PDB file of N, CA and C in Angstrom:
ATOM      1  N   MET A   1     -48.377  17.145 -50.855  1.00  0.00           N
ATOM      2  CA  MET A   1     -48.505  18.578 -50.992  1.00  0.00           C
ATOM      3  C   MET A   1     -47.216  19.125 -51.588  1.00  0.00           C
ATOM      4  N   VAL A   2     -47.378  20.053 -52.510  1.00  0.00           N
ATOM      5  CA  VAL A   2     -46.242  20.760 -53.096  1.00  0.00           C
ATOM      6  C   VAL A   2     -46.361  22.227 -52.718  1.00  0.00           C
ATOM      7  N   LEU A   3     -45.284  22.792 -52.187  1.00  0.00           N
ATOM      8  CA  LEU A   3     -45.186  24.227 -51.920  1.00  0.00           C
ATOM      9  C   LEU A   3     -44.264  24.788 -52.985  1.00  0.00           C
ATOM     10  N   ASP A   4     -44.827  25.510 -53.943  1.00  0.00           N
ATOM     11  CA  ASP A   4     -44.075  25.956 -55.111  1.00  0.00           C
ATOM     12  C   ASP A   4     -43.729  27.435 -55.024  1.00  0.00           C
ATOM     13  N   GLY A   5     -42.466  27.715 -54.776  1.00  0.00           N
ATOM     14  CA  GLY A   5     -41.975  29.085 -54.780  1.00  0.00           C
ATOM     15  C   GLY A   5     -41.080  29.352 -55.969  1.00  0.00           C
ATOM     16  N   VAL A   6     -40.926  28.365 -56.846  1.00  0.00           N
ATOM     17  CA  VAL A   6     -40.015  28.481 -57.980  1.00  0.00           C
ATOM     18  C   VAL A   6     -40.762  28.747 -59.280  1.00  0.00           C
ATOM     19  N   GLY A   7     -41.791  27.960 -59.557  1.00  0.00           N
ATOM     20  CA  GLY A   7     -42.547  28.126 -60.796  1.00  0.00           C
ATOM     21  C   GLY A   7     -41.818  27.559 -61.995  1.00  0.00           C
ATOM     22  N   GLY A   8     -42.249  27.988 -63.185  1.00  0.00           N
ATOM     23  CA  GLY A   8     -41.615  27.557 -64.424  1.00  0.00           C
ATOM     24  C   GLY A   8     -41.583  26.052 -64.589  1.00  0.00           C
ATOM     25  N   ALA A   9     -40.547  25.570 -65.268  1.00  0.00           N
ATOM     26  CA  ALA A   9     -40.408  24.137 -65.544  1.00  0.00           C
ATOM     27  C   ALA A   9     -40.233  23.334 -64.257  1.00  0.00           C
ATOM     28  N   GLU A  10     -39.534  23.907 -63.272  1.00  0.00           N
ATOM     29  CA  GLU A  10     -39.327  23.202 -62.008  1.00  0.00           C
ATOM     30  C   GLU A  10     -40.650  23.013 -61.270  1.00  0.00           C
ATOM     31  N   GLY A  11     -41.477  24.040 -61.275  1.00  0.00           N
ATOM     32  CA  GLY A  11     -42.790  23.932 -60.646  1.00  0.00           C
ATOM     33  C   GLY A  11     -43.658  22.900 -61.343  1.00  0.00           C
ATOM     34  N   ARG A  12     -43.571  22.885 -62.667  1.00  0.00           N
ATOM     35  CA  ARG A  12     -44.349  21.905 -63.426  1.00  0.00           C
ATOM     36  C   ARG A  12     -43.878  20.486 -63.110  1.00  0.00           C
ATOM     37  N   ALA A  13     -42.563  20.299 -62.989  1.00  0.00           N
ATOM     38  CA  ALA A  13     -42.025  18.977 -62.642  1.00  0.00           C
ATOM     39  C   ALA A  13     -42.531  18.548 -61.266  1.00  0.00           C
ATOM     40  N   ALA A  14     -42.596  19.482 -60.325  1.00  0.00           N
ATOM     41  CA  ALA A  14     -43.116  19.167 -58.994  1.00  0.00           C
ATOM     42  C   ALA A  14     -44.595  18.813 -59.069  1.00  0.00           C
ATOM     43  N   LEU A  15     -45.339  19.530 -59.896  1.00  0.00           N
ATOM     44  CA  LEU A  15     -46.761  19.237 -60.081  1.00  0.00           C
ATOM     45  C   LEU A  15     -46.955  17.810 -60.584  1.00  0.00           C
ATOM     46  N   GLU A  16     -46.103  17.384 -61.494  1.00  0.00           N
ATOM     47  CA  GLU A  16     -46.210  16.035 -62.058  1.00  0.00           C
ATOM     48  C   GLU A  16     -45.953  14.953 -61.008  1.00  0.00           C
ATOM     49  N   LEU A  17     -45.244  15.280 -59.942  1.00  0.00           N
ATOM     50  CA  LEU A  17     -44.964  14.315 -58.876  1.00  0.00           C
ATOM     51  C   LEU A  17     -46.092  14.223 -57.853  1.00  0.00           C
ATOM     52  N   LEU A  18     -47.040  15.138 -57.937  1.00  0.00           N
ATOM     53  CA  LEU A  18     -48.120  15.197 -56.965  1.00  0.00           C
ATOM     54  C   LEU A  18     -49.047  13.992 -57.101  1.00  0.00           C
ATOM     55  N   ALA A  19     -49.350  13.374 -55.979  1.00  0.00           N
ATOM     56  CA  ALA A  19     -50.238  12.207 -55.965  1.00  0.00           C
ATOM     57  C   ALA A  19     -51.682  12.638 -56.215  1.00  0.00           C
ATOM     58  N   PRO A  20     -52.523  11.713 -56.653  1.00  0.00           N
ATOM     59  CA  PRO A  20     -53.943  12.037 -56.799  1.00  0.00           C
ATOM     60  C   PRO A  20     -54.494  12.588 -55.483  1.00  0.00           C
ATOM     61  N   ALA A  21     -55.361  13.568 -55.591  1.00  0.00           N
ATOM     62  CA  ALA A  21     -55.973  14.257 -54.449  1.00  0.00           C
ATOM     63  C   ALA A  21     -54.975  15.132 -53.691  1.00  0.00           C
ATOM     64  N   GLY A  22     -53.811  15.378 -54.277  1.00  0.00           N
ATOM     65  CA  GLY A  22     -52.806  16.219 -53.635  1.00  0.00           C
ATOM     66  C   GLY A  22     -53.140  17.696 -53.730  1.00  0.00           C
ATOM     67  N   ARG A  23     -52.333  18.493 -53.047  1.00  0.00           N
ATOM     68  CA  ARG A  23     -52.524  19.946 -53.033  1.00  0.00           C
ATOM     69  C   ARG A  23     -51.275  20.636 -53.547  1.00  0.00           C
ATOM     70  N   PHE A  24     -51.480  21.692 -54.320  1.00  0.00           N
ATOM     71  CA  PHE A  24     -50.389  22.459 -54.920  1.00  0.00           C
ATOM     72  C   PHE A  24     -50.561  23.906 -54.486  1.00  0.00           C
ATOM     73  N   LEU A  25     -49.606  24.424 -53.727  1.00  0.00           N
ATOM     74  CA  LEU A  25     -49.688  25.785 -53.212  1.00  0.00           C
ATOM     75  C   LEU A  25     -48.588  26.632 -53.836  1.00  0.00           C
ATOM     76  N   ILE A  26     -48.991  27.685 -54.520  1.00  0.00           N
ATOM     77  CA  ILE A  26     -48.050  28.590 -55.183  1.00  0.00           C
ATOM     78  C   ILE A  26     -47.809  29.795 -54.277  1.00  0.00           C
ATOM     79  N   PHE A  27     -46.531  30.098 -54.018  1.00  0.00           N
ATOM     80  CA  PHE A  27     -46.237  31.298 -53.235  1.00  0.00           C
ATOM     81  C   PHE A  27     -45.175  32.164 -53.892  1.00  0.00           C
ATOM     82  N   GLY A  28     -44.844  31.869 -55.128  1.00  0.00           N
ATOM     83  CA  GLY A  28     -43.889  32.698 -55.854  1.00  0.00           C
ATOM     84  C   GLY A  28     -43.438  32.016 -57.120  1.00  0.00           C
ATOM     85  N   TRP A  29     -42.625  32.725 -57.886  1.00  0.00           N
ATOM     86  CA  TRP A  29     -42.064  32.139 -59.102  1.00  0.00           C
ATOM     87  C   TRP A  29     -40.703  32.757 -59.377  1.00  0.00           C
ATOM     88  N   SER A  30     -39.740  32.324 -58.574  1.00  0.00           N
ATOM     89  CA  SER A  30     -38.381  32.844 -58.716  1.00  0.00           C
ATOM     90  C   SER A  30     -37.746  32.446 -60.042  1.00  0.00           C
ATOM     91  N   ALA A  31     -38.302  31.454 -60.728  1.00  0.00           N
ATOM     92  CA  ALA A  31     -37.782  31.058 -62.038  1.00  0.00           C
ATOM     93  C   ALA A  31     -38.148  32.082 -63.113  1.00  0.00           C
ATOM     94  N   GLY A  32     -39.038  33.003 -62.789  1.00  0.00           N
ATOM     95  CA  GLY A  32     -39.412  34.037 -63.748  1.00  0.00           C
ATOM     96  C   GLY A  32     -40.826  33.917 -64.280  1.00  0.00           C
ATOM     97  N   SER A  33     -41.440  32.752 -64.136  1.00  0.00           N
ATOM     98  CA  SER A  33     -42.828  32.583 -64.562  1.00  0.00           C
ATOM     99  C   SER A  33     -43.517  31.610 -63.615  1.00  0.00           C
ATOM    100  N   ALA A  34     -44.810  31.784 -63.482  1.00  0.00           N
ATOM    101  CA  ALA A  34     -45.584  30.905 -62.607  1.00  0.00           C
ATOM    102  C   ALA A  34     -45.718  29.522 -63.240  1.00  0.00           C
ATOM    103  N   THR A  35     -45.953  28.525 -62.410  1.00  0.00           N
ATOM    104  CA  THR A  35     -46.225  27.181 -62.905  1.00  0.00           C
ATOM    105  C   THR A  35     -47.561  27.193 -63.637  1.00  0.00           C
ATOM    106  N   GLU A  36     -47.560  26.677 -64.843  1.00  0.00           N
ATOM    107  CA  GLU A  36     -48.810  26.622 -65.597  1.00  0.00           C
ATOM    108  C   GLU A  36     -49.617  25.408 -65.160  1.00  0.00           C
ATOM    109  N   ILE A  37     -50.852  25.670 -64.746  1.00  0.00           N
ATOM    110  CA  ILE A  37     -51.765  24.618 -64.308  1.00  0.00           C
ATOM    111  C   ILE A  37     -53.076  24.825 -65.050  1.00  0.00           C
ATOM    112  N   THR A  38     -53.601  23.754 -65.617  1.00  0.00           N
ATOM    113  CA  THR A  38     -54.869  23.846 -66.339  1.00  0.00           C
ATOM    114  C   THR A  38     -55.987  23.200 -65.528  1.00  0.00           C
ATOM    115  N   THR A  39     -57.209  23.501 -65.908  1.00  0.00           N
ATOM    116  CA  THR A  39     -58.334  22.831 -65.260  1.00  0.00           C
ATOM    117  C   THR A  39     -58.286  21.333 -65.540  1.00  0.00           C
ATOM    118  N   GLN A  40     -57.721  20.945 -66.663  1.00  0.00           N
ATOM    119  CA  GLN A  40     -57.562  19.519 -66.969  1.00  0.00           C
ATOM    120  C   GLN A  40     -56.624  18.862 -65.956  1.00  0.00           C
ATOM    121  N   ASP A  41     -55.541  19.559 -65.579  1.00  0.00           N
ATOM    122  CA  ASP A  41     -54.642  19.037 -64.547  1.00  0.00           C
ATOM    123  C   ASP A  41     -55.413  18.772 -63.258  1.00  0.00           C
ATOM    124  N   LEU A  42     -56.226  19.736 -62.867  1.00  0.00           N
ATOM    125  CA  LEU A  42     -56.969  19.622 -61.616  1.00  0.00           C
ATOM    126  C   LEU A  42     -57.988  18.496 -61.673  1.00  0.00           C
ATOM    127  N   TYR A  43     -58.770  18.481 -62.731  1.00  0.00           N
ATOM    128  CA  TYR A  43     -59.863  17.522 -62.845  1.00  0.00           C
ATOM    129  C   TYR A  43     -59.363  16.089 -63.036  1.00  0.00           C
ATOM    130  N   ALA A  44     -58.439  15.908 -63.961  1.00  0.00           N
ATOM    131  CA  ALA A  44     -57.985  14.553 -64.296  1.00  0.00           C
ATOM    132  C   ALA A  44     -57.285  13.874 -63.125  1.00  0.00           C
ATOM    133  N   ARG A  45     -56.615  14.659 -62.300  1.00  0.00           N
ATOM    134  CA  ARG A  45     -55.847  14.069 -61.202  1.00  0.00           C
ATOM    135  C   ARG A  45     -56.500  14.279 -59.848  1.00  0.00           C
ATOM    136  N   GLY A  46     -57.585  15.041 -59.824  1.00  0.00           N
ATOM    137  CA  GLY A  46     -58.281  15.274 -58.562  1.00  0.00           C
ATOM    138  C   GLY A  46     -57.465  16.083 -57.576  1.00  0.00           C
ATOM    139  N   ILE A  47     -56.648  16.997 -58.080  1.00  0.00           N
ATOM    140  CA  ILE A  47     -55.808  17.810 -57.204  1.00  0.00           C
ATOM    141  C   ILE A  47     -56.419  19.194 -57.027  1.00  0.00           C
ATOM    142  N   THR A  48     -55.941  19.906 -56.026  1.00  0.00           N
ATOM    143  CA  THR A  48     -56.352  21.290 -55.824  1.00  0.00           C
ATOM    144  C   THR A  48     -55.123  22.181 -55.907  1.00  0.00           C
ATOM    145  N   ALA A  49     -55.355  23.419 -56.317  1.00  0.00           N
ATOM    146  CA  ALA A  49     -54.263  24.389 -56.411  1.00  0.00           C
ATOM    147  C   ALA A  49     -54.751  25.715 -55.853  1.00  0.00           C
ATOM    148  N   SER A  50     -53.859  26.407 -55.155  1.00  0.00           N
ATOM    149  CA  SER A  50     -54.192  27.730 -54.630  1.00  0.00           C
ATOM    150  C   SER A  50     -52.908  28.533 -54.479  1.00  0.00           C
ATOM    151  N   SER A  51     -53.083  29.814 -54.191  1.00  0.00           N
ATOM    152  CA  SER A  51     -51.915  30.667 -53.986  1.00  0.00           C
ATOM    153  C   SER A  51     -51.929  31.198 -52.562  1.00  0.00           C
ATOM    154  N   ALA A  52     -50.744  31.357 -52.003  1.00  0.00           N
ATOM    155  CA  ALA A  52     -50.633  31.812 -50.619  1.00  0.00           C
ATOM    156  C   ALA A  52     -50.749  33.322 -50.509  1.00  0.00           C
ATOM    157  N   LEU A  53     -50.299  34.025 -51.505  1.00  0.00           N
ATOM    158  CA  LEU A  53     -50.341  35.484 -51.465  1.00  0.00           C
ATOM    159  C   LEU A  53     -50.635  35.959 -52.872  1.00  0.00           C
ATOM    160  N   GLY A  54     -51.795  36.475 -53.047  1.00  0.00           N
ATOM    161  CA  GLY A  54     -52.184  36.919 -54.373  1.00  0.00           C
ATOM    162  C   GLY A  54     -53.091  38.117 -54.270  1.00  0.00           C
ATOM    163  N   PRO A  55     -53.809  38.419 -55.338  1.00  0.00           N
ATOM    164  CA  PRO A  55     -54.672  39.598 -55.361  1.00  0.00           C
ATOM    165  C   PRO A  55     -55.667  39.650 -54.202  1.00  0.00           C
ATOM    166  N   ALA A  56     -56.219  38.509 -53.812  1.00  0.00           N
ATOM    167  CA  ALA A  56     -57.189  38.510 -52.711  1.00  0.00           C
ATOM    168  C   ALA A  56     -56.530  38.963 -51.409  1.00  0.00           C
ATOM    169  N   MET A  57     -55.305  38.535 -51.174  1.00  0.00           N
ATOM    170  CA  MET A  57     -54.599  38.911 -49.952  1.00  0.00           C
ATOM    171  C   MET A  57     -54.285  40.400 -49.941  1.00  0.00           C
ATOM    172  N   LEU A  58     -54.014  40.953 -51.102  1.00  0.00           N
ATOM    173  CA  LEU A  58     -53.691  42.374 -51.189  1.00  0.00           C
ATOM    174  C   LEU A  58     -54.910  43.254 -50.922  1.00  0.00           C
ATOM    175  N   LYS A  59     -56.104  42.661 -50.939  1.00  0.00           N
ATOM    176  CA  LYS A  59     -57.334  43.408 -50.692  1.00  0.00           C
ATOM    177  C   LYS A  59     -57.777  43.341 -49.230  1.00  0.00           C
ATOM    178  N   VAL A  60     -56.956  42.776 -48.361  1.00  0.00           N
ATOM    179  CA  VAL A  60     -57.285  42.677 -46.942  1.00  0.00           C
ATOM    180  C   VAL A  60     -57.531  44.085 -46.400  1.00  0.00           C
ATOM    181  N   VAL A  61     -58.599  44.236 -45.619  1.00  0.00           N
ATOM    182  CA  VAL A  61     -58.921  45.537 -45.043  1.00  0.00           C
ATOM    183  C   VAL A  61     -57.725  46.044 -44.242  1.00  0.00           C
ATOM    184  N   GLY A  62     -57.301  47.242 -44.524  1.00  0.00           N
ATOM    185  CA  GLY A  62     -56.145  47.814 -43.842  1.00  0.00           C
ATOM    186  C   GLY A  62     -54.829  47.481 -44.517  1.00  0.00           C
ATOM    187  N   GLY A  63     -54.886  46.691 -45.583  1.00  0.00           N
ATOM    188  CA  GLY A  63     -53.674  46.324 -46.300  1.00  0.00           C
ATOM    189  C   GLY A  63     -52.870  45.272 -45.558  1.00  0.00           C
ATOM    190  N   LEU A  64     -51.661  45.070 -45.992  1.00  0.00           N
ATOM    191  CA  LEU A  64     -50.801  44.055 -45.390  1.00  0.00           C
ATOM    192  C   LEU A  64     -50.042  44.570 -44.170  1.00  0.00           C
ATOM    193  N   ARG A  65     -50.071  45.879 -43.947  1.00  0.00           N
ATOM    194  CA  ARG A  65     -49.291  46.454 -42.851  1.00  0.00           C
ATOM    195  C   ARG A  65     -49.608  45.827 -41.491  1.00  0.00           C
ATOM    196  N   PRO A  66     -50.878  45.607 -41.119  1.00  0.00           N
ATOM    197  CA  PRO A  66     -51.140  44.969 -39.825  1.00  0.00           C
ATOM    198  C   PRO A  66     -50.509  43.574 -39.710  1.00  0.00           C
ATOM    199  N   LEU A  67     -50.499  42.827 -40.801  1.00  0.00           N
ATOM    200  CA  LEU A  67     -49.870  41.503 -40.778  1.00  0.00           C
ATOM    201  C   LEU A  67     -48.353  41.627 -40.638  1.00  0.00           C
ATOM    202  N   GLU A  68     -47.774  42.618 -41.316  1.00  0.00           N
ATOM    203  CA  GLU A  68     -46.334  42.858 -41.189  1.00  0.00           C
ATOM    204  C   GLU A  68     -45.982  43.219 -39.751  1.00  0.00           C
ATOM    205  N   GLU A  69     -46.775  44.105 -39.150  1.00  0.00           N
ATOM    206  CA  GLU A  69     -46.516  44.524 -37.773  1.00  0.00           C
ATOM    207  C   GLU A  69     -46.629  43.350 -36.809  1.00  0.00           C
ATOM    208  N   GLN A  70     -47.622  42.496 -37.019  1.00  0.00           N
ATOM    209  CA  GLN A  70     -47.775  41.319 -36.166  1.00  0.00           C
ATOM    210  C   GLN A  70     -46.576  40.390 -36.312  1.00  0.00           C
ATOM    211  N   ALA A  71     -46.136  40.161 -37.544  1.00  0.00           N
ATOM    212  CA  ALA A  71     -44.986  39.280 -37.774  1.00  0.00           C
ATOM    213  C   ALA A  71     -43.728  39.840 -37.114  1.00  0.00           C
ATOM    214  N   LEU A  72     -43.502  41.142 -37.245  1.00  0.00           N
ATOM    215  CA  LEU A  72     -42.325  41.759 -36.627  1.00  0.00           C
ATOM    216  C   LEU A  72     -42.401  41.696 -35.105  1.00  0.00           C
ATOM    217  N   ARG A  73     -43.581  41.928 -34.560  1.00  0.00           N
ATOM    218  CA  ARG A  73     -43.771  41.858 -33.111  1.00  0.00           C
ATOM    219  C   ARG A  73     -43.496  40.438 -32.598  1.00  0.00           C
ATOM    220  N   GLU A  74     -44.039  39.447 -33.291  1.00  0.00           N
ATOM    221  CA  GLU A  74     -43.835  38.060 -32.872  1.00  0.00           C
ATOM    222  C   GLU A  74     -42.378  37.631 -33.033  1.00  0.00           C
ATOM    223  N   ALA A  75     -41.710  38.139 -34.052  1.00  0.00           N
ATOM    224  CA  ALA A  75     -40.280  37.837 -34.215  1.00  0.00           C
ATOM    225  C   ALA A  75     -39.490  38.427 -33.054  1.00  0.00           C
ATOM    226  N   ALA A  76     -39.809  39.669 -32.687  1.00  0.00           N
ATOM    227  CA  ALA A  76     -39.109  40.322 -31.576  1.00  0.00           C
ATOM    228  C   ALA A  76     -39.358  39.595 -30.260  1.00  0.00           C
ATOM    229  N   GLU A  77     -40.528  38.972 -30.131  1.00  0.00           N
ATOM    230  CA  GLU A  77     -40.867  38.233 -28.913  1.00  0.00           C
ATOM    231  C   GLU A  77     -40.305  36.814 -28.920  1.00  0.00           C
ATOM    232  N   GLY A  78     -39.634  36.433 -30.011  1.00  0.00           N
ATOM    233  CA  GLY A  78     -39.023  35.115 -30.080  1.00  0.00           C
ATOM    234  C   GLY A  78     -39.954  33.997 -30.510  1.00  0.00           C
ATOM    235  N   TRP A  79     -41.087  34.339 -31.109  1.00  0.00           N
ATOM    236  CA  TRP A  79     -42.040  33.313 -31.540  1.00  0.00           C
ATOM    237  C   TRP A  79     -41.517  32.472 -32.690  1.00  0.00           C
ATOM    238  N   PHE A  80     -40.701  33.055 -33.520  1.00  0.00           N
ATOM    239  CA  PHE A  80     -40.123  32.290 -34.621  1.00  0.00           C
ATOM    240  C   PHE A  80     -38.754  32.858 -34.956  1.00  0.00           C
ATOM    241  N   THR A  81     -37.966  32.026 -35.593  1.00  0.00           N
ATOM    242  CA  THR A  81     -36.629  32.422 -35.999  1.00  0.00           C
ATOM    243  C   THR A  81     -36.530  32.270 -37.512  1.00  0.00           C
ATOM    244  N   PRO A  82     -36.117  33.310 -38.210  1.00  0.00           N
ATOM    245  CA  PRO A  82     -36.022  33.191 -39.669  1.00  0.00           C
ATOM    246  C   PRO A  82     -34.938  32.190 -40.080  1.00  0.00           C
ATOM    247  N   ALA A  83     -35.167  31.536 -41.197  1.00  0.00           N
ATOM    248  CA  ALA A  83     -34.173  30.605 -41.739  1.00  0.00           C
ATOM    249  C   ALA A  83     -33.065  31.412 -42.406  1.00  0.00           C
ATOM    250  N   LEU A  84     -31.834  31.140 -42.016  1.00  0.00           N
ATOM    251  CA  LEU A  84     -30.685  31.866 -42.552  1.00  0.00           C
ATOM    252  C   LEU A  84     -29.595  30.902 -42.988  1.00  0.00           C
ATOM    253  N   THR A  85     -28.875  31.292 -44.018  1.00  0.00           N
ATOM    254  CA  THR A  85     -27.631  30.631 -44.380  1.00  0.00           C
ATOM    255  C   THR A  85     -26.565  31.712 -44.283  1.00  0.00           C
ATOM    256  N   GLU A  86     -25.594  31.497 -43.417  1.00  0.00           N
ATOM    257  CA  GLU A  86     -24.589  32.522 -43.147  1.00  0.00           C
ATOM    258  C   GLU A  86     -23.254  32.168 -43.793  1.00  0.00           C
ATOM    259  N   PHE A  87     -22.575  33.201 -44.290  1.00  0.00           N
ATOM    260  CA  PHE A  87     -21.242  33.069 -44.873  1.00  0.00           C
ATOM    261  C   PHE A  87     -20.378  34.205 -44.351  1.00  0.00           C
ATOM    262  N   PRO A  88     -19.088  33.950 -44.131  1.00  0.00           N
ATOM    263  CA  PRO A  88     -18.184  35.058 -43.809  1.00  0.00           C
ATOM    264  C   PRO A  88     -18.097  35.992 -45.022  1.00  0.00           C
ATOM    265  N   LEU A  89     -17.945  37.260 -44.767  1.00  0.00           N
ATOM    266  CA  LEU A  89     -17.853  38.240 -45.847  1.00  0.00           C
ATOM    267  C   LEU A  89     -16.740  37.879 -46.831  1.00  0.00           C
ATOM    268  N   ALA A  90     -15.666  37.307 -46.323  1.00  0.00           N
ATOM    269  CA  ALA A  90     -14.545  36.916 -47.185  1.00  0.00           C
ATOM    270  C   ALA A  90     -14.944  35.844 -48.201  1.00  0.00           C
ATOM    271  N   HIS A  91     -16.061  35.158 -47.951  1.00  0.00           N
ATOM    272  CA  HIS A  91     -16.539  34.111 -48.861  1.00  0.00           C
ATOM    273  C   HIS A  91     -17.784  34.555 -49.625  1.00  0.00           C
ATOM    274  N   ALA A  92     -17.877  35.836 -49.909  1.00  0.00           N
ATOM    275  CA  ALA A  92     -19.052  36.379 -50.604  1.00  0.00           C
ATOM    276  C   ALA A  92     -19.260  35.724 -51.968  1.00  0.00           C
ATOM    277  N   ALA A  93     -18.188  35.445 -52.679  1.00  0.00           N
ATOM    278  CA  ALA A  93     -18.321  34.807 -53.994  1.00  0.00           C
ATOM    279  C   ALA A  93     -18.932  33.413 -53.850  1.00  0.00           C
ATOM    280  N   HIS A  94     -18.508  32.677 -52.828  1.00  0.00           N
ATOM    281  CA  HIS A  94     -19.073  31.349 -52.574  1.00  0.00           C
ATOM    282  C   HIS A  94     -20.558  31.464 -52.208  1.00  0.00           C
ATOM    283  N   ALA A  95     -20.893  32.477 -51.420  1.00  0.00           N
ATOM    284  CA  ALA A  95     -22.291  32.700 -51.040  1.00  0.00           C
ATOM    285  C   ALA A  95     -23.142  32.962 -52.277  1.00  0.00           C
ATOM    286  N   HIS A  96     -22.612  33.752 -53.189  1.00  0.00           N
ATOM    287  CA  HIS A  96     -23.342  34.064 -54.420  1.00  0.00           C
ATOM    288  C   HIS A  96     -23.550  32.804 -55.261  1.00  0.00           C
ATOM    289  N   THR A  97     -22.524  31.987 -55.370  1.00  0.00           N
ATOM    290  CA  THR A  97     -22.632  30.732 -56.119  1.00  0.00           C
ATOM    291  C   THR A  97     -23.667  29.810 -55.477  1.00  0.00           C
ATOM    292  N   ALA A  98     -23.632  29.712 -54.158  1.00  0.00           N
ATOM    293  CA  ALA A  98     -24.596  28.867 -53.443  1.00  0.00           C
ATOM    294  C   ALA A  98     -26.019  29.369 -53.652  1.00  0.00           C
ATOM    295  N   LEU A  99     -26.183  30.673 -53.644  1.00  0.00           N
ATOM    296  CA  LEU A  99     -27.504  31.262 -53.858  1.00  0.00           C
ATOM    297  C   LEU A  99     -28.008  30.963 -55.264  1.00  0.00           C
ATOM    298  N   GLN A 100     -27.156  31.147 -56.252  1.00  0.00           N
ATOM    299  CA  GLN A 100     -27.549  30.884 -57.640  1.00  0.00           C
ATOM    300  C   GLN A 100     -27.893  29.417 -57.876  1.00  0.00           C
ATOM    301  N   SER A 101     -27.201  28.525 -57.194  1.00  0.00           N
ATOM    302  CA  SER A 101     -27.446  27.096 -57.401  1.00  0.00           C
ATOM    303  C   SER A 101     -28.535  26.562 -56.468  1.00  0.00           C
ATOM    304  N   ARG A 102     -29.169  27.467 -55.732  1.00  0.00           N
ATOM    305  CA  ARG A 102     -30.254  27.110 -54.810  1.00  0.00           C
ATOM    306  C   ARG A 102     -29.798  26.132 -53.726  1.00  0.00           C
ATOM    307  N   ALA A 103     -28.561  26.304 -53.272  1.00  0.00           N
ATOM    308  CA  ALA A 103     -28.012  25.444 -52.226  1.00  0.00           C
ATOM    309  C   ALA A 103     -28.176  26.068 -50.842  1.00  0.00           C
ATOM    310  N   THR A 104     -28.924  27.149 -50.761  1.00  0.00           N
ATOM    311  CA  THR A 104     -29.106  27.841 -49.489  1.00  0.00           C
ATOM    312  C   THR A 104     -30.522  27.635 -48.973  1.00  0.00           C
ATOM    313  N   ILE A 105     -30.705  27.924 -47.703  1.00  0.00           N
ATOM    314  CA  ILE A 105     -32.029  27.873 -47.087  1.00  0.00           C
ATOM    315  C   ILE A 105     -32.296  29.240 -46.482  1.00  0.00           C
ATOM    316  N   GLY A 106     -33.437  29.801 -46.781  1.00  0.00           N
ATOM    317  CA  GLY A 106     -33.801  31.095 -46.222  1.00  0.00           C
ATOM    318  C   GLY A 106     -32.983  32.222 -46.820  1.00  0.00           C
ATOM    319  N   LYS A 107     -32.767  33.229 -46.016  1.00  0.00           N
ATOM    320  CA  LYS A 107     -32.009  34.401 -46.449  1.00  0.00           C
ATOM    321  C   LYS A 107     -30.516  34.134 -46.337  1.00  0.00           C
ATOM    322  N   VAL A 108     -29.758  34.708 -47.248  1.00  0.00           N
ATOM    323  CA  VAL A 108     -28.303  34.595 -47.209  1.00  0.00           C
ATOM    324  C   VAL A 108     -27.759  35.839 -46.517  1.00  0.00           C
ATOM    325  N   VAL A 109     -26.931  35.613 -45.501  1.00  0.00           N
ATOM    326  CA  VAL A 109     -26.378  36.709 -44.716  1.00  0.00           C
ATOM    327  C   VAL A 109     -24.857  36.625 -44.756  1.00  0.00           C
ATOM    328  N   LEU A 110     -24.222  37.752 -45.083  1.00  0.00           N
ATOM    329  CA  LEU A 110     -22.760  37.834 -45.049  1.00  0.00           C
ATOM    330  C   LEU A 110     -22.353  38.442 -43.715  1.00  0.00           C
ATOM    331  N   LEU A 111     -21.484  37.748 -42.998  1.00  0.00           N
ATOM    332  CA  LEU A 111     -21.039  38.203 -41.677  1.00  0.00           C
ATOM    333  C   LEU A 111     -19.657  38.841 -41.772  1.00  0.00           C
ATOM    334  N   PRO A 112     -19.466  39.970 -41.089  1.00  0.00           N
ATOM    335  CA  PRO A 112     -18.148  40.631 -41.132  1.00  0.00           C
ATOM    336  C   PRO A 112     -17.066  39.779 -40.485  1.00  0.00           C
TER     337      PRO A 112
END
C-alpha cells in the first residue's frame, strides 16, 4: 500500500514500487500536482487507487464540521496525539530547512 501525500514525480515513483494487487491512496499533493495514474496503470498491474478526501467527502451531509468537532473532542479526551517535530525558537532556520527537506514528521512547532 502507498499513502501518497506528495504527488508529482515522487508520487509516481512510489506508484512504480507498488506490488501487483497493491493499493494507492492519495491524500494530497504537496509537490504541487497530483500523481498521474491512468486506467492502464490500474488494469495492467491489477492495482486500485482512491482518494482519502475529495469531492465526495466534501458532499457529506452537514459538511465536514461534524467530523472536525469529533476529531477535536477525541483529541481533547486523549484518544490520539498529533505527530509533532519540535524545535527551539532559536533554531527556527534549522526548522525551516528540515521542513523544506521533508526531514520532519507531522506539524513543525517552534518552542519559546
